[in-house]
Amino acid sequence: MFGALQRSGDFVSAQQLHAQLATAGVAVGLTTVYRTLRELERAGRVDVVRDESGERLYRPRPDAGHRHYLICRSCGLSRAVDTDVVERWAGRLAAATGFADIEHTLELSGVCARCLPDQR
């Protein structure tokens, strides 16, 4: 299943991944896809974002650690963005508060250049 996620090339929903697997002839239930994606998330192997409807979308996490993405609200195109300032801020916050293992979510969305003409 992780291989199918890697071949997707961008963020996909559990339903999209399930459909890709079915098309490839892999007999797996949607519940199993959801459960596997949750396990991959807990293991730090996928990045997760939410689309405008709140649905969780998944993408394999690079070996360098979690990334943050700018996602087109129109077509779903995603681009990794440099958020070192956010990571440093989270580190300073941990030091200042005495908290450890701080997790954070940063979601950025916009309209890509390809979709901009459609936004009239």
PDB file of N, CA and C in Angstrom:
ATOM      1  N   MET A   1       0.819  -1.187   0.000  1.00  0.00           N
ATOM      2  CA  MET A   1       0.000   0.000   0.000  1.00  0.00           C
ATOM      3  C   MET A   1       0.870   1.261   0.000  1.00  0.00           C
ATOM      4  N   PHE A   2       1.986   1.220   0.739  1.00  0.00           N
ATOM      5  CA  PHE A   2       2.869   2.385   0.777  1.00  0.00           C
ATOM      6  C   PHE A   2       3.433   2.670  -0.612  1.00  0.00           C
ATOM      7  N   GLY A   3       3.722   1.623  -1.373  1.00  0.00           N
ATOM      8  CA  GLY A   3       4.217   1.787  -2.735  1.00  0.00           C
ATOM      9  C   GLY A   3       3.205   2.505  -3.612  1.00  0.00           C
ATOM     10  N   ALA A   4       1.931   2.167  -3.469  1.00  0.00           N
ATOM     11  CA  ALA A   4       0.880   2.844  -4.236  1.00  0.00           C
ATOM     12  C   ALA A   4       0.800   4.311  -3.837  1.00  0.00           C
ATOM     13  N   LEU A   5       0.976   4.586  -2.564  1.00  0.00           N
ATOM     14  CA  LEU A   5       0.968   5.971  -2.093  1.00  0.00           C
ATOM     15  C   LEU A   5       2.151   6.736  -2.687  1.00  0.00           C
ATOM     16  N   GLN A   6       3.305   6.110  -2.741  1.00  0.00           N
ATOM     17  CA  GLN A   6       4.480   6.752  -3.331  1.00  0.00           C
ATOM     18  C   GLN A   6       4.277   7.032  -4.817  1.00  0.00           C
ATOM     19  N   ARG A   7       3.633   6.135  -5.515  1.00  0.00           N
ATOM     20  CA  ARG A   7       3.396   6.317  -6.953  1.00  0.00           C
ATOM     21  C   ARG A   7       2.354   7.391  -7.240  1.00  0.00           C
ATOM     22  N   SER A   8       1.553   7.758  -6.266  1.00  0.00           N
ATOM     23  CA  SER A   8       0.528   8.778  -6.479  1.00  0.00           C
ATOM     24  C   SER A   8       1.144  10.121  -6.838  1.00  0.00           C
ATOM     25  N   GLY A   9       2.292  10.422  -6.271  1.00  0.00           N
ATOM     26  CA  GLY A   9       3.004  11.641  -6.633  1.00  0.00           C
ATOM     27  C   GLY A   9       2.532  12.898  -5.931  1.00  0.00           C
ATOM     28  N   ASP A  10       1.375  12.883  -5.320  1.00  0.00           N
ATOM     29  CA  ASP A  10       0.874  14.054  -4.616  1.00  0.00           C
ATOM     30  C   ASP A  10      -0.046  13.573  -3.497  1.00  0.00           C
ATOM     31  N   PHE A  11      -0.657  14.495  -2.807  1.00  0.00           N
ATOM     32  CA  PHE A  11      -1.582  14.119  -1.741  1.00  0.00           C
ATOM     33  C   PHE A  11      -2.788  13.392  -2.314  1.00  0.00           C
ATOM     34  N   VAL A  12      -3.208  12.331  -1.640  1.00  0.00           N
ATOM     35  CA  VAL A  12      -4.400  11.587  -2.033  1.00  0.00           C
ATOM     36  C   VAL A  12      -5.223  11.260  -0.801  1.00  0.00           C
ATOM     37  N   SER A  13      -6.503  11.109  -1.006  1.00  0.00           N
ATOM     38  CA  SER A  13      -7.383  10.699   0.075  1.00  0.00           C
ATOM     39  C   SER A  13      -7.350   9.180   0.201  1.00  0.00           C
ATOM     40  N   ALA A  14      -7.881   8.682   1.285  1.00  0.00           N
ATOM     41  CA  ALA A  14      -7.967   7.233   1.468  1.00  0.00           C
ATOM     42  C   ALA A  14      -8.818   6.615   0.362  1.00  0.00           C
ATOM     43  N   GLN A  15      -9.900   7.296  -0.017  1.00  0.00           N
ATOM     44  CA  GLN A  15     -10.765   6.779  -1.073  1.00  0.00           C
ATOM     45  C   GLN A  15     -10.039   6.727  -2.416  1.00  0.00           C
ATOM     46  N   GLN A  16      -9.252   7.771  -2.713  1.00  0.00           N
ATOM     47  CA  GLN A  16      -8.492   7.771  -3.968  1.00  0.00           C
ATOM     48  C   GLN A  16      -7.461   6.651  -3.976  1.00  0.00           C
ATOM     49  N   LEU A  17      -6.773   6.472  -2.856  1.00  0.00           N
ATOM     50  CA  LEU A  17      -5.783   5.406  -2.762  1.00  0.00           C
ATOM     51  C   LEU A  17      -6.458   4.046  -2.911  1.00  0.00           C
ATOM     52  N   HIS A  18      -7.600   3.870  -2.281  1.00  0.00           N
ATOM     53  CA  HIS A  18      -8.356   2.625  -2.388  1.00  0.00           C
ATOM     54  C   HIS A  18      -8.734   2.348  -3.842  1.00  0.00           C
ATOM     55  N   ALA A  19      -9.191   3.373  -4.556  1.00  0.00           N
ATOM     56  CA  ALA A  19      -9.564   3.214  -5.967  1.00  0.00           C
ATOM     57  C   ALA A  19      -8.346   2.846  -6.810  1.00  0.00           C
ATOM     58  N   GLN A  20      -7.192   3.465  -6.531  1.00  0.00           N
ATOM     59  CA  GLN A  20      -5.971   3.138  -7.271  1.00  0.00           C
ATOM     60  C   GLN A  20      -5.584   1.679  -7.054  1.00  0.00           C
ATOM     61  N   LEU A  21      -5.689   1.235  -5.808  1.00  0.00           N
ATOM     62  CA  LEU A  21      -5.353  -0.151  -5.494  1.00  0.00           C
ATOM     63  C   LEU A  21      -6.314  -1.110  -6.201  1.00  0.00           C
ATOM     64  N   ALA A  22      -7.598  -0.780  -6.192  1.00  0.00           N
ATOM     65  CA  ALA A  22      -8.592  -1.630  -6.853  1.00  0.00           C
ATOM     66  C   ALA A  22      -8.332  -1.711  -8.351  1.00  0.00           C
ATOM     67  N   THR A  23      -8.001  -0.575  -8.956  1.00  0.00           N
ATOM     68  CA  THR A  23      -7.694  -0.533 -10.391  1.00  0.00           C
ATOM     69  C   THR A  23      -6.480  -1.404 -10.705  1.00  0.00           C
ATOM     70  N   ALA A  24      -5.536  -1.459  -9.781  1.00  0.00           N
ATOM     71  CA  ALA A  24      -4.328  -2.277  -9.963  1.00  0.00           C
ATOM     72  C   ALA A  24      -4.568  -3.748  -9.631  1.00  0.00           C
ATOM     73  N   GLY A  25      -5.803  -4.078  -9.243  1.00  0.00           N
ATOM     74  CA  GLY A  25      -6.130  -5.470  -8.942  1.00  0.00           C
ATOM     75  C   GLY A  25      -5.811  -5.904  -7.536  1.00  0.00           C
ATOM     76  N   VAL A  26      -5.536  -4.943  -6.652  1.00  0.00           N
ATOM     77  CA  VAL A  26      -5.237  -5.275  -5.255  1.00  0.00           C
ATOM     78  C   VAL A  26      -6.553  -5.287  -4.477  1.00  0.00           C
ATOM     79  N   ALA A  27      -6.890  -6.447  -3.927  1.00  0.00           N
ATOM     80  CA  ALA A  27      -8.128  -6.588  -3.167  1.00  0.00           C
ATOM     81  C   ALA A  27      -7.872  -6.192  -1.716  1.00  0.00           C
ATOM     82  N   VAL A  28      -8.283  -4.985  -1.362  1.00  0.00           N
ATOM     83  CA  VAL A  28      -8.114  -4.490   0.003  1.00  0.00           C
ATOM     84  C   VAL A  28      -9.338  -3.644   0.340  1.00  0.00           C
ATOM     85  N   GLY A  29      -9.805  -3.753   1.549  1.00  0.00           N
ATOM     86  CA  GLY A  29     -10.976  -2.997   1.962  1.00  0.00           C
ATOM     87  C   GLY A  29     -10.631  -1.556   2.298  1.00  0.00           C
ATOM     88  N   LEU A  30     -11.606  -0.675   2.162  1.00  0.00           N
ATOM     89  CA  LEU A  30     -11.404   0.738   2.478  1.00  0.00           C
ATOM     90  C   LEU A  30     -11.040   0.919   3.944  1.00  0.00           C
ATOM     91  N   THR A  31     -11.618   0.125   4.821  1.00  0.00           N
ATOM     92  CA  THR A  31     -11.291   0.205   6.247  1.00  0.00           C
ATOM     93  C   THR A  31      -9.810  -0.097   6.473  1.00  0.00           C
ATOM     94  N   THR A  32      -9.287  -1.064   5.748  1.00  0.00           N
ATOM     95  CA  THR A  32      -7.869  -1.411   5.863  1.00  0.00           C
ATOM     96  C   THR A  32      -6.994  -0.263   5.372  1.00  0.00           C
ATOM     97  N   VAL A  33      -7.423   0.403   4.312  1.00  0.00           N
ATOM     98  CA  VAL A  33      -6.669   1.557   3.801  1.00  0.00           C
ATOM     99  C   VAL A  33      -6.620   2.643   4.867  1.00  0.00           C
ATOM    100  N   TYR A  34      -7.774   2.969   5.454  1.00  0.00           N
ATOM    101  CA  TYR A  34      -7.804   3.989   6.519  1.00  0.00           C
ATOM    102  C   TYR A  34      -6.910   3.591   7.690  1.00  0.00           C
ATOM    103  N   ARG A  35      -7.013   2.351   8.126  1.00  0.00           N
ATOM    104  CA  ARG A  35      -6.225   1.886   9.272  1.00  0.00           C
ATOM    105  C   ARG A  35      -4.725   1.957   8.964  1.00  0.00           C
ATOM    106  N   THR A  36      -4.339   1.540   7.770  1.00  0.00           N
ATOM    107  CA  THR A  36      -2.927   1.565   7.383  1.00  0.00           C
ATOM    108  C   THR A  36      -2.406   2.994   7.310  1.00  0.00           C
ATOM    109  N   LEU A  37      -3.209   3.904   6.762  1.00  0.00           N
ATOM    110  CA  LEU A  37      -2.790   5.305   6.688  1.00  0.00           C
ATOM    111  C   LEU A  37      -2.626   5.904   8.084  1.00  0.00           C
ATOM    112  N   ARG A  38      -3.519   5.561   9.008  1.00  0.00           N
ATOM    113  CA  ARG A  38      -3.369   6.044  10.395  1.00  0.00           C
ATOM    114  C   ARG A  38      -2.083   5.507  11.020  1.00  0.00           C
ATOM    115  N   GLU A  39      -1.781   4.234  10.763  1.00  0.00           N
ATOM    116  CA  GLU A  39      -0.546   3.645  11.293  1.00  0.00           C
ATOM    117  C   GLU A  39       0.682   4.313  10.682  1.00  0.00           C
ATOM    118  N   LEU A  40       0.639   4.583   9.386  1.00  0.00           N
ATOM    119  CA  LEU A  40       1.750   5.283   8.729  1.00  0.00           C
ATOM    120  C   LEU A  40       1.913   6.689   9.293  1.00  0.00           C
ATOM    121  N   GLU A  41       0.802   7.339   9.594  1.00  0.00           N
ATOM    122  CA  GLU A  41       0.871   8.680  10.192  1.00  0.00           C
ATOM    123  C   GLU A  41       1.505   8.618  11.577  1.00  0.00           C
ATOM    124  N   ARG A  42       1.062   7.687  12.403  1.00  0.00           N
ATOM    125  CA  ARG A  42       1.636   7.544  13.746  1.00  0.00           C
ATOM    126  C   ARG A  42       3.120   7.220  13.692  1.00  0.00           C
ATOM    127  N   ALA A  43       3.529   6.482  12.676  1.00  0.00           N
ATOM    128  CA  ALA A  43       4.936   6.108  12.534  1.00  0.00           C
ATOM    129  C   ALA A  43       5.770   7.224  11.901  1.00  0.00           C
ATOM    130  N   GLY A  44       5.127   8.336  11.509  1.00  0.00           N
ATOM    131  CA  GLY A  44       5.845   9.454  10.921  1.00  0.00           C
ATOM    132  C   GLY A  44       6.268   9.223   9.486  1.00  0.00           C
ATOM    133  N   ARG A  45       5.580   8.338   8.782  1.00  0.00           N
ATOM    134  CA  ARG A  45       5.975   8.009   7.403  1.00  0.00           C
ATOM    135  C   ARG A  45       5.167   8.755   6.351  1.00  0.00           C
ATOM    136  N   VAL A  46       4.118   9.493   6.776  1.00  0.00           N
ATOM    137  CA  VAL A  46       3.319  10.271   5.827  1.00  0.00           C
ATOM    138  C   VAL A  46       3.087  11.672   6.375  1.00  0.00           C
ATOM    139  N   ASP A  47       2.940  12.614   5.459  1.00  0.00           N
ATOM    140  CA  ASP A  47       2.480  13.951   5.815  1.00  0.00           C
ATOM    141  C   ASP A  47       0.990  13.980   5.546  1.00  0.00           C
ATOM    142  N   VAL A  48       0.268  14.743   6.355  1.00  0.00           N
ATOM    143  CA  VAL A  48      -1.181  14.800   6.245  1.00  0.00           C
ATOM    144  C   VAL A  48      -1.625  16.255   6.195  1.00  0.00           C
ATOM    145  N   VAL A  49      -2.513  16.552   5.273  1.00  0.00           N
ATOM    146  CA  VAL A  49      -3.154  17.858   5.201  1.00  0.00           C
ATOM    147  C   VAL A  49      -4.650  17.616   5.062  1.00  0.00           C
ATOM    148  N   ARG A  50      -5.403  18.683   5.211  1.00  0.00           N
ATOM    149  CA  ARG A  50      -6.853  18.576   5.011  1.00  0.00           C
ATOM    150  C   ARG A  50      -7.243  19.428   3.822  1.00  0.00           C
ATOM    151  N   ASP A  51      -8.191  18.915   3.045  1.00  0.00           N
ATOM    152  CA  ASP A  51      -8.680  19.720   1.932  1.00  0.00           C
ATOM    153  C   ASP A  51      -9.766  20.662   2.449  1.00  0.00           C
ATOM    154  N   GLU A  52     -10.383  21.423   1.561  1.00  0.00           N
ATOM    155  CA  GLU A  52     -11.359  22.422   1.990  1.00  0.00           C
ATOM    156  C   GLU A  52     -12.562  21.819   2.702  1.00  0.00           C
ATOM    157  N   SER A  53     -12.890  20.570   2.392  1.00  0.00           N
ATOM    158  CA  SER A  53     -14.025  19.925   3.053  1.00  0.00           C
ATOM    159  C   SER A  53     -13.632  19.279   4.375  1.00  0.00           C
ATOM    160  N   GLY A  54     -12.323  19.301   4.693  1.00  0.00           N
ATOM    161  CA  GLY A  54     -11.847  18.712   5.940  1.00  0.00           C
ATOM    162  C   GLY A  54     -11.338  17.290   5.798  1.00  0.00           C
ATOM    163  N   GLU A  55     -11.406  16.744   4.576  1.00  0.00           N
ATOM    164  CA  GLU A  55     -10.933  15.382   4.363  1.00  0.00           C
ATOM    165  C   GLU A  55      -9.414  15.327   4.470  1.00  0.00           C
ATOM    166  N   ARG A  56      -8.919  14.291   5.111  1.00  0.00           N
ATOM    167  CA  ARG A  56      -7.477  14.111   5.284  1.00  0.00           C
ATOM    168  C   ARG A  56      -6.878  13.568   3.990  1.00  0.00           C
ATOM    169  N   LEU A  57      -5.755  14.170   3.584  1.00  0.00           N
ATOM    170  CA  LEU A  57      -5.026  13.749   2.394  1.00  0.00           C
ATOM    171  C   LEU A  57      -3.623  13.343   2.822  1.00  0.00           C
ATOM    172  N   TYR A  58      -3.067  12.330   2.176  1.00  0.00           N
ATOM    173  CA  TYR A  58      -1.817  11.725   2.602  1.00  0.00           C
ATOM    174  C   TYR A  58      -0.780  11.748   1.487  1.00  0.00           C
ATOM    175  N   ARG A  59       0.475  11.852   1.901  1.00  0.00           N
ATOM    176  CA  ARG A  59       1.608  11.845   0.975  1.00  0.00           C
ATOM    177  C   ARG A  59       2.798  11.271   1.739  1.00  0.00           C
ATOM    178  N   PRO A  60       3.627  10.451   1.101  1.00  0.00           N
ATOM    179  CA  PRO A  60       4.797   9.923   1.812  1.00  0.00           C
ATOM    180  C   PRO A  60       5.672  11.064   2.334  1.00  0.00           C
ATOM    181  N   ARG A  61       6.165  10.906   3.540  1.00  0.00           N
ATOM    182  CA  ARG A  61       7.032  11.909   4.149  1.00  0.00           C
ATOM    183  C   ARG A  61       8.464  11.692   3.678  1.00  0.00           C
ATOM    184  N   PRO A  62       9.142  12.783   3.302  1.00  0.00           N
ATOM    185  CA  PRO A  62      10.551  12.633   2.908  1.00  0.00           C
ATOM    186  C   PRO A  62      11.398  12.163   4.089  1.00  0.00           C
ATOM    187  N   ASP A  63      12.517  11.562   3.782  1.00  0.00           N
ATOM    188  CA  ASP A  63      13.412  11.064   4.836  1.00  0.00           C
ATOM    189  C   ASP A  63      13.883  12.173   5.764  1.00  0.00           C
ATOM    190  N   ALA A  64      13.910  13.411   5.275  1.00  0.00           N
ATOM    191  CA  ALA A  64      14.402  14.536   6.075  1.00  0.00           C
ATOM    192  C   ALA A  64      13.418  14.969   7.154  1.00  0.00           C
ATOM    193  N   GLY A  65      12.251  14.375   7.235  1.00  0.00           N
ATOM    194  CA  GLY A  65      11.284  14.740   8.258  1.00  0.00           C
ATOM    195  C   GLY A  65      10.045  15.368   7.663  1.00  0.00           C
ATOM    196  N   HIS A  66       9.156  15.810   8.551  1.00  0.00           N
ATOM    197  CA  HIS A  66       7.892  16.334   8.050  1.00  0.00           C
ATOM    198  C   HIS A  66       8.097  17.641   7.305  1.00  0.00           C
ATOM    199  N   ARG A  67       7.198  17.901   6.390  1.00  0.00           N
ATOM    200  CA  ARG A  67       7.254  19.099   5.578  1.00  0.00           C
ATOM    201  C   ARG A  67       5.918  19.814   5.702  1.00  0.00           C
ATOM    202  N   HIS A  68       5.915  21.049   5.281  1.00  0.00           N
ATOM    203  CA  HIS A  68       4.679  21.820   5.184  1.00  0.00           C
ATOM    204  C   HIS A  68       4.478  22.154   3.713  1.00  0.00           C
ATOM    205  N   TYR A  69       3.219  22.279   3.319  1.00  0.00           N
ATOM    206  CA  TYR A  69       2.895  22.430   1.909  1.00  0.00           C
ATOM    207  C   TYR A  69       1.947  23.593   1.684  1.00  0.00           C
ATOM    208  N   LEU A  70       2.085  24.204   0.525  1.00  0.00           N
ATOM    209  CA  LEU A  70       1.135  25.181   0.013  1.00  0.00           C
ATOM    210  C   LEU A  70       0.295  24.422  -1.003  1.00  0.00           C
ATOM    211  N   ILE A  71      -1.024  24.427  -0.813  1.00  0.00           N
ATOM    212  CA  ILE A  71      -1.907  23.608  -1.633  1.00  0.00           C
ATOM    213  C   ILE A  71      -2.895  24.489  -2.382  1.00  0.00           C
ATOM    214  N   CYS A  72      -3.050  24.215  -3.680  1.00  0.00           N
ATOM    215  CA  CYS A  72      -4.002  24.967  -4.499  1.00  0.00           C
ATOM    216  C   CYS A  72      -5.428  24.559  -4.127  1.00  0.00           C
ATOM    217  N   ARG A  73      -6.231  25.545  -3.788  1.00  0.00           N
ATOM    218  CA  ARG A  73      -7.627  25.275  -3.430  1.00  0.00           C
ATOM    219  C   ARG A  73      -8.459  24.835  -4.627  1.00  0.00           C
ATOM    220  N   SER A  74      -7.974  25.078  -5.826  1.00  0.00           N
ATOM    221  CA  SER A  74      -8.742  24.736  -7.008  1.00  0.00           C
ATOM    222  C   SER A  74      -8.428  23.328  -7.517  1.00  0.00           C
ATOM    223  N   CYS A  75      -7.152  23.031  -7.741  1.00  0.00           N
ATOM    224  CA  CYS A  75      -6.797  21.738  -8.347  1.00  0.00           C
ATOM    225  C   CYS A  75      -6.110  20.768  -7.388  1.00  0.00           C
ATOM    226  N   GLY A  76      -5.698  21.231  -6.207  1.00  0.00           N
ATOM    227  CA  GLY A  76      -5.043  20.359  -5.236  1.00  0.00           C
ATOM    228  C   GLY A  76      -3.542  20.232  -5.396  1.00  0.00           C
ATOM    229  N   LEU A  77      -2.949  20.927  -6.370  1.00  0.00           N
ATOM    230  CA  LEU A  77      -1.503  20.912  -6.549  1.00  0.00           C
ATOM    231  C   LEU A  77      -0.827  21.316  -5.239  1.00  0.00           C
ATOM    232  N   SER A  78       0.231  20.627  -4.874  1.00  0.00           N
ATOM    233  CA  SER A  78       0.932  20.968  -3.631  1.00  0.00           C
ATOM    234  C   SER A  78       2.398  21.233  -3.912  1.00  0.00           C
ATOM    235  N   ARG A  79       2.947  22.143  -3.139  1.00  0.00           N
ATOM    236  CA  ARG A  79       4.363  22.478  -3.202  1.00  0.00           C
ATOM    237  C   ARG A  79       4.900  22.544  -1.781  1.00  0.00           C
ATOM    238  N   ALA A  80       6.001  21.856  -1.541  1.00  0.00           N
ATOM    239  CA  ALA A  80       6.645  21.950  -0.230  1.00  0.00           C
ATOM    240  C   ALA A  80       7.198  23.363  -0.077  1.00  0.00           C
ATOM    241  N   VAL A  81       7.083  23.905   1.131  1.00  0.00           N
ATOM    242  CA  VAL A  81       7.569  25.260   1.380  1.00  0.00           C
ATOM    243  C   VAL A  81       8.548  25.249   2.543  1.00  0.00           C
ATOM    244  N   ASP A  82       9.457  26.217   2.546  1.00  0.00           N
ATOM    245  CA  ASP A  82      10.442  26.363   3.606  1.00  0.00           C
ATOM    246  C   ASP A  82       9.761  26.982   4.816  1.00  0.00           C
ATOM    247  N   THR A  83       9.694  26.233   5.892  1.00  0.00           N
ATOM    248  CA  THR A  83       9.068  26.733   7.119  1.00  0.00           C
ATOM    249  C   THR A  83      10.018  26.607   8.307  1.00  0.00           C
ATOM    250  N   ASP A  84      11.293  26.804   8.033  1.00  0.00           N
ATOM    251  CA  ASP A  84      12.281  26.725   9.116  1.00  0.00           C
ATOM    252  C   ASP A  84      11.935  27.669  10.261  1.00  0.00           C
ATOM    253  N   VAL A  85      11.392  28.832   9.939  1.00  0.00           N
ATOM    254  CA  VAL A  85      11.034  29.798  10.982  1.00  0.00           C
ATOM    255  C   VAL A  85       9.980  29.204  11.929  1.00  0.00           C
ATOM    256  N   VAL A  86       9.053  28.417  11.391  1.00  0.00           N
ATOM    257  CA  VAL A  86       8.027  27.774  12.221  1.00  0.00           C
ATOM    258  C   VAL A  86       8.670  26.721  13.124  1.00  0.00           C
ATOM    259  N   GLU A  87       9.586  25.942  12.568  1.00  0.00           N
ATOM    260  CA  GLU A  87      10.247  24.902  13.352  1.00  0.00           C
ATOM    261  C   GLU A  87      11.079  25.515  14.482  1.00  0.00           C
ATOM    262  N   ARG A  88      11.782  26.613  14.188  1.00  0.00           N
ATOM    263  CA  ARG A  88      12.568  27.286  15.235  1.00  0.00           C
ATOM    264  C   ARG A  88      11.652  27.861  16.317  1.00  0.00           C
ATOM    265  N   TRP A  89      10.528  28.448  15.898  1.00  0.00           N
ATOM    266  CA  TRP A  89       9.570  29.001  16.853  1.00  0.00           C
ATOM    267  C   TRP A  89       9.036  27.901  17.769  1.00  0.00           C
ATOM    268  N   ALA A  90       8.698  26.736  17.201  1.00  0.00           N
ATOM    269  CA  ALA A  90       8.203  25.623  18.020  1.00  0.00           C
ATOM    270  C   ALA A  90       9.267  25.184  19.018  1.00  0.00           C
ATOM    271  N   GLY A  91      10.517  25.175  18.602  1.00  0.00           N
ATOM    272  CA  GLY A  91      11.610  24.829  19.515  1.00  0.00           C
ATOM    273  C   GLY A  91      11.754  25.827  20.648  1.00  0.00           C
ATOM    274  N   ARG A  92      11.659  27.120  20.307  1.00  0.00           N
ATOM    275  CA  ARG A  92      11.745  28.160  21.349  1.00  0.00           C
ATOM    276  C   ARG A  92      10.550  28.063  22.299  1.00  0.00           C
ATOM    277  N   LEU A  93       9.389  27.782  21.756  1.00  0.00           N
ATOM    278  CA  LEU A  93       8.192  27.640  22.584  1.00  0.00           C
ATOM    279  C   LEU A  93       8.346  26.479  23.559  1.00  0.00           C
ATOM    280  N   ALA A  94       8.891  25.385  23.085  1.00  0.00           N
ATOM    281  CA  ALA A  94       9.124  24.235  23.962  1.00  0.00           C
ATOM    282  C   ALA A  94      10.073  24.606  25.097  1.00  0.00           C
ATOM    283  N   ALA A  95      11.157  25.277  24.747  1.00  0.00           N
ATOM    284  CA  ALA A  95      12.140  25.671  25.766  1.00  0.00           C
ATOM    285  C   ALA A  95      11.531  26.638  26.772  1.00  0.00           C
ATOM    286  N   ALA A  96      10.730  27.578  26.309  1.00  0.00           N
ATOM    287  CA  ALA A  96      10.157  28.603  27.188  1.00  0.00           C
ATOM    288  C   ALA A  96       9.066  28.047  28.097  1.00  0.00           C
ATOM    289  N   THR A  97       8.362  27.012  27.663  1.00  0.00           N
ATOM    290  CA  THR A  97       7.231  26.498  28.440  1.00  0.00           C
ATOM    291  C   THR A  97       7.550  25.232  29.211  1.00  0.00           C
ATOM    292  N   GLY A  98       8.668  24.589  28.866  1.00  0.00           N
ATOM    293  CA  GLY A  98       8.997  23.329  29.509  1.00  0.00           C
ATOM    294  C   GLY A  98       8.273  22.140  28.895  1.00  0.00           C
ATOM    295  N   PHE A  99       7.538  22.373  27.807  1.00  0.00           N
ATOM    296  CA  PHE A  99       6.876  21.276  27.126  1.00  0.00           C
ATOM    297  C   PHE A  99       7.894  20.528  26.274  1.00  0.00           C
ATOM    298  N   ALA A 100       7.608  19.258  26.013  1.00  0.00           N
ATOM    299  CA  ALA A 100       8.474  18.453  25.159  1.00  0.00           C
ATOM    300  C   ALA A 100       7.628  17.808  24.070  1.00  0.00           C
ATOM    301  N   ASP A 101       8.291  17.382  23.031  1.00  0.00           N
ATOM    302  CA  ASP A 101       7.631  16.662  21.937  1.00  0.00           C
ATOM    303  C   ASP A 101       6.440  17.443  21.385  1.00  0.00           C
ATOM    304  N   ILE A 102       6.647  18.733  21.155  1.00  0.00           N
ATOM    305  CA  ILE A 102       5.584  19.588  20.628  1.00  0.00           C
ATOM    306  C   ILE A 102       5.302  19.216  19.177  1.00  0.00           C
ATOM    307  N   GLU A 103       4.029  19.058  18.875  1.00  0.00           N
ATOM    308  CA  GLU A 103       3.589  18.824  17.506  1.00  0.00           C
ATOM    309  C   GLU A 103       2.819  20.046  17.046  1.00  0.00           C
ATOM    310  N   HIS A 104       2.831  20.278  15.759  1.00  0.00           N
ATOM    311  CA  HIS A 104       2.104  21.430  15.240  1.00  0.00           C
ATOM    312  C   HIS A 104       1.555  21.114  13.858  1.00  0.00           C
ATOM    313  N   THR A 105       0.551  21.883  13.467  1.00  0.00           N
ATOM    314  CA  THR A 105      -0.048  21.763  12.143  1.00  0.00           C
ATOM    315  C   THR A 105      -0.046  23.137  11.511  1.00  0.00           C
ATOM    316  N   LEU A 106       0.422  23.216  10.295  1.00  0.00           N
ATOM    317  CA  LEU A 106       0.426  24.458   9.551  1.00  0.00           C
ATOM    318  C   LEU A 106      -0.164  24.151   8.184  1.00  0.00           C
ATOM    319  N   GLU A 107      -1.282  24.769   7.867  1.00  0.00           N
ATOM    320  CA  GLU A 107      -1.922  24.528   6.583  1.00  0.00           C
ATOM    321  C   GLU A 107      -1.970  25.827   5.798  1.00  0.00           C
ATOM    322  N   LEU A 108      -1.410  25.799   4.609  1.00  0.00           N
ATOM    323  CA  LEU A 108      -1.361  26.963   3.732  1.00  0.00           C
ATOM    324  C   LEU A 108      -2.060  26.619   2.432  1.00  0.00           C
ATOM    325  N   SER A 109      -2.946  27.487   1.992  1.00  0.00           N
ATOM    326  CA  SER A 109      -3.616  27.239   0.721  1.00  0.00           C
ATOM    327  C   SER A 109      -3.708  28.524  -0.072  1.00  0.00           C
ATOM    328  N   GLY A 110      -3.830  28.369  -1.363  1.00  0.00           N
ATOM    329  CA  GLY A 110      -3.954  29.493  -2.279  1.00  0.00           C
ATOM    330  C   GLY A 110      -4.449  28.971  -3.610  1.00  0.00           C
ATOM    331  N   VAL A 111      -4.283  29.749  -4.647  1.00  0.00           N
ATOM    332  CA  VAL A 111      -4.665  29.340  -5.990  1.00  0.00           C
ATOM    333  C   VAL A 111      -3.408  29.395  -6.853  1.00  0.00           C
ATOM    334  N   CYS A 112      -3.051  28.275  -7.463  1.00  0.00           N
ATOM    335  CA  CYS A 112      -1.831  28.209  -8.276  1.00  0.00           C
ATOM    336  C   CYS A 112      -1.998  29.019  -9.560  1.00  0.00           C
ATOM    337  N   ALA A 113      -0.875  29.305 -10.186  1.00  0.00           N
ATOM    338  CA  ALA A 113      -0.881  30.117 -11.413  1.00  0.00           C
ATOM    339  C   ALA A 113      -1.713  29.471 -12.510  1.00  0.00           C
ATOM    340  N   ARG A 114      -1.688  28.143 -12.590  1.00  0.00           N
ATOM    341  CA  ARG A 114      -2.454  27.453 -13.616  1.00  0.00           C
ATOM    342  C   ARG A 114      -3.955  27.614 -13.434  1.00  0.00           C
ATOM    343  N   CYS A 115      -4.405  27.707 -12.179  1.00  0.00           N
ATOM    344  CA  CYS A 115      -5.842  27.818 -11.898  1.00  0.00           C
ATOM    345  C   CYS A 115      -6.315  29.263 -11.774  1.00  0.00           C
ATOM    346  N   LEU A 116      -5.387  30.191 -11.641  1.00  0.00           N
ATOM    347  CA  LEU A 116      -5.754  31.594 -11.405  1.00  0.00           C
ATOM    348  C   LEU A 116      -6.756  32.143 -12.419  1.00  0.00           C
ATOM    349  N   PRO A 117      -6.603  31.876 -13.718  1.00  0.00           N
ATOM    350  CA  PRO A 117      -7.594  32.409 -14.662  1.00  0.00           C
ATOM    351  C   PRO A 117      -9.014  31.914 -14.395  1.00  0.00           C
ATOM    352  N   ASP A 118      -9.153  30.738 -13.748  1.00  0.00           N
ATOM    353  CA  ASP A 118     -10.482  30.193 -13.441  1.00  0.00           C
ATOM    354  C   ASP A 118     -11.139  30.913 -12.279  1.00  0.00           C
ATOM    355  N   GLN A 119     -10.399  31.682 -11.519  1.00  0.00           N
ATOM    356  CA  GLN A 119     -10.907  32.359 -10.322  1.00  0.00           C
ATOM    357  C   GLN A 119     -11.368  33.767 -10.655  1.00  0.00           C
ATOM    358  N   ARG A 120     -12.450  33.899 -11.358  1.00  0.00           N
ATOM    359  CA  ARG A 120     -12.949  35.224 -11.756  1.00  0.00           C
ATOM    360  C   ARG A 120     -14.058  35.688 -10.878  1.00  0.00           C
TER     361      ARG A 120
END
